[in-house]
């Protein structure tokens, strides 16, 4: 199944980028300000 929702595509891209970079924590801006991002416990907005 190919996601067509932009936020799902963005979530997957961010997860993949963090995995490639070897990051366990990063900071993302979800439009509500900055919040911690942990790829192991990501919850879509």
N, C-alpha and C. Protein backbone atom coordinates (compact mmCIF):
# COMPACT_ATOMS: atom_id res chain seq x y z
N UNK A 1 0.84 -1.19 0.00
CA UNK A 1 0.00 0.00 0.00
C UNK A 1 0.88 1.25 0.00
N UNK A 2 0.60 2.14 -0.89
CA UNK A 2 1.38 3.37 -1.00
C UNK A 2 0.64 4.49 -0.29
N UNK A 3 1.29 5.12 0.70
CA UNK A 3 0.62 6.20 1.40
C UNK A 3 0.44 7.41 0.49
N UNK A 4 -0.73 8.01 0.53
CA UNK A 4 -0.98 9.19 -0.28
C UNK A 4 -1.08 10.44 0.59
N UNK A 5 -1.15 10.23 1.90
CA UNK A 5 -1.24 11.36 2.82
C UNK A 5 0.14 11.95 3.04
N UNK A 6 0.25 13.25 2.88
CA UNK A 6 1.55 13.91 2.99
C UNK A 6 2.22 13.72 4.33
N UNK A 7 1.45 13.74 5.42
CA UNK A 7 2.05 13.61 6.73
C UNK A 7 2.62 12.21 6.93
N UNK A 8 1.99 11.21 6.35
CA UNK A 8 2.51 9.85 6.44
C UNK A 8 3.81 9.72 5.66
N UNK A 9 3.85 10.33 4.48
CA UNK A 9 5.09 10.32 3.70
C UNK A 9 6.21 11.02 4.46
N UNK A 10 5.89 12.15 5.08
CA UNK A 10 6.89 12.90 5.83
C UNK A 10 7.36 12.09 7.03
N UNK A 11 6.44 11.42 7.71
CA UNK A 11 6.81 10.62 8.87
C UNK A 11 7.77 9.50 8.46
N UNK A 12 7.45 8.83 7.38
CA UNK A 12 8.31 7.74 6.92
C UNK A 12 9.68 8.24 6.50
N UNK A 13 9.69 9.39 5.82
CA UNK A 13 10.97 9.96 5.38
C UNK A 13 11.82 10.34 6.58
N UNK A 14 11.21 10.93 7.59
CA UNK A 14 11.94 11.33 8.78
C UNK A 14 12.47 10.11 9.52
N UNK A 15 11.65 9.08 9.67
CA UNK A 15 12.08 7.85 10.30
C UNK A 15 13.27 7.25 9.56
N UNK A 16 13.17 7.19 8.25
CA UNK A 16 14.24 6.60 7.44
C UNK A 16 15.51 7.41 7.54
N UNK A 17 15.38 8.73 7.50
CA UNK A 17 16.56 9.60 7.59
C UNK A 17 17.26 9.43 8.93
N UNK A 18 16.50 9.33 9.99
CA UNK A 18 17.09 9.17 11.32
C UNK A 18 17.73 7.79 11.46
N UNK A 19 17.12 6.79 10.85
CA UNK A 19 17.69 5.45 10.88
C UNK A 19 19.02 5.43 10.14
N UNK A 20 19.05 6.03 8.96
CA UNK A 20 20.27 6.07 8.16
C UNK A 20 21.37 6.82 8.91
N UNK A 21 21.01 7.91 9.56
CA UNK A 21 21.98 8.73 10.27
C UNK A 21 22.39 8.10 11.61
N UNK A 22 21.68 7.06 12.02
CA UNK A 22 22.01 6.40 13.26
C UNK A 22 21.53 7.17 14.48
N UNK A 23 20.55 8.01 14.29
CA UNK A 23 20.06 8.82 15.40
C UNK A 23 18.99 8.08 16.18
N UNK A 24 19.01 8.26 17.49
CA UNK A 24 17.92 7.73 18.29
C UNK A 24 17.01 8.87 18.70
N UNK A 25 17.55 10.07 18.71
CA UNK A 25 16.75 11.25 19.06
C UNK A 25 17.07 12.37 18.10
N UNK A 26 16.07 13.11 17.75
CA UNK A 26 16.24 14.28 16.90
C UNK A 26 15.18 15.28 17.32
N UNK A 27 15.18 16.41 16.71
CA UNK A 27 14.16 17.41 17.02
C UNK A 27 13.40 17.70 15.75
N UNK A 28 12.08 17.66 15.83
CA UNK A 28 11.26 17.96 14.67
C UNK A 28 10.32 19.09 15.01
N UNK A 29 9.91 19.80 13.99
CA UNK A 29 8.94 20.87 14.18
C UNK A 29 7.63 20.39 13.59
N UNK A 30 6.67 20.13 14.45
CA UNK A 30 5.39 19.59 13.98
C UNK A 30 4.38 20.70 13.75
N UNK A 31 4.86 21.94 13.69
CA UNK A 31 3.96 23.07 13.47
C UNK A 31 3.47 23.67 14.78
N UNK A 32 3.70 22.95 15.86
CA UNK A 32 3.29 23.40 17.18
C UNK A 32 4.51 23.78 18.00
N UNK A 33 5.62 23.97 17.32
CA UNK A 33 6.86 24.21 18.03
C UNK A 33 7.69 22.94 18.01
N UNK A 34 8.87 23.02 18.59
CA UNK A 34 9.78 21.88 18.56
C UNK A 34 9.43 20.89 19.67
N UNK A 35 9.57 19.61 19.34
CA UNK A 35 9.37 18.59 20.35
C UNK A 35 10.34 17.45 20.09
N UNK A 36 10.68 16.68 21.10
CA UNK A 36 11.61 15.58 20.91
C UNK A 36 11.04 14.53 19.96
N UNK A 37 11.90 13.90 19.23
CA UNK A 37 11.50 12.82 18.34
C UNK A 37 12.32 11.59 18.67
N UNK A 38 11.65 10.50 18.94
CA UNK A 38 12.33 9.24 19.18
C UNK A 38 11.74 8.25 18.20
N UNK A 39 12.56 7.74 17.30
CA UNK A 39 12.04 6.88 16.22
C UNK A 39 11.42 5.60 16.76
N UNK A 40 11.76 5.24 18.00
CA UNK A 40 11.22 4.01 18.56
C UNK A 40 9.86 4.20 19.21
N UNK A 41 9.45 5.44 19.36
CA UNK A 41 8.14 5.67 19.99
C UNK A 41 7.41 6.80 19.28
N UNK A 42 7.54 6.80 17.95
CA UNK A 42 6.94 7.89 17.18
C UNK A 42 5.43 7.73 17.10
N UNK A 43 4.74 8.81 17.35
CA UNK A 43 3.29 8.82 17.18
C UNK A 43 2.95 9.95 16.23
N UNK A 44 2.23 9.63 15.19
CA UNK A 44 1.85 10.65 14.22
C UNK A 44 0.92 11.67 14.86
N UNK A 45 1.04 12.93 14.47
CA UNK A 45 0.17 13.96 15.04
C UNK A 45 -1.29 13.76 14.65
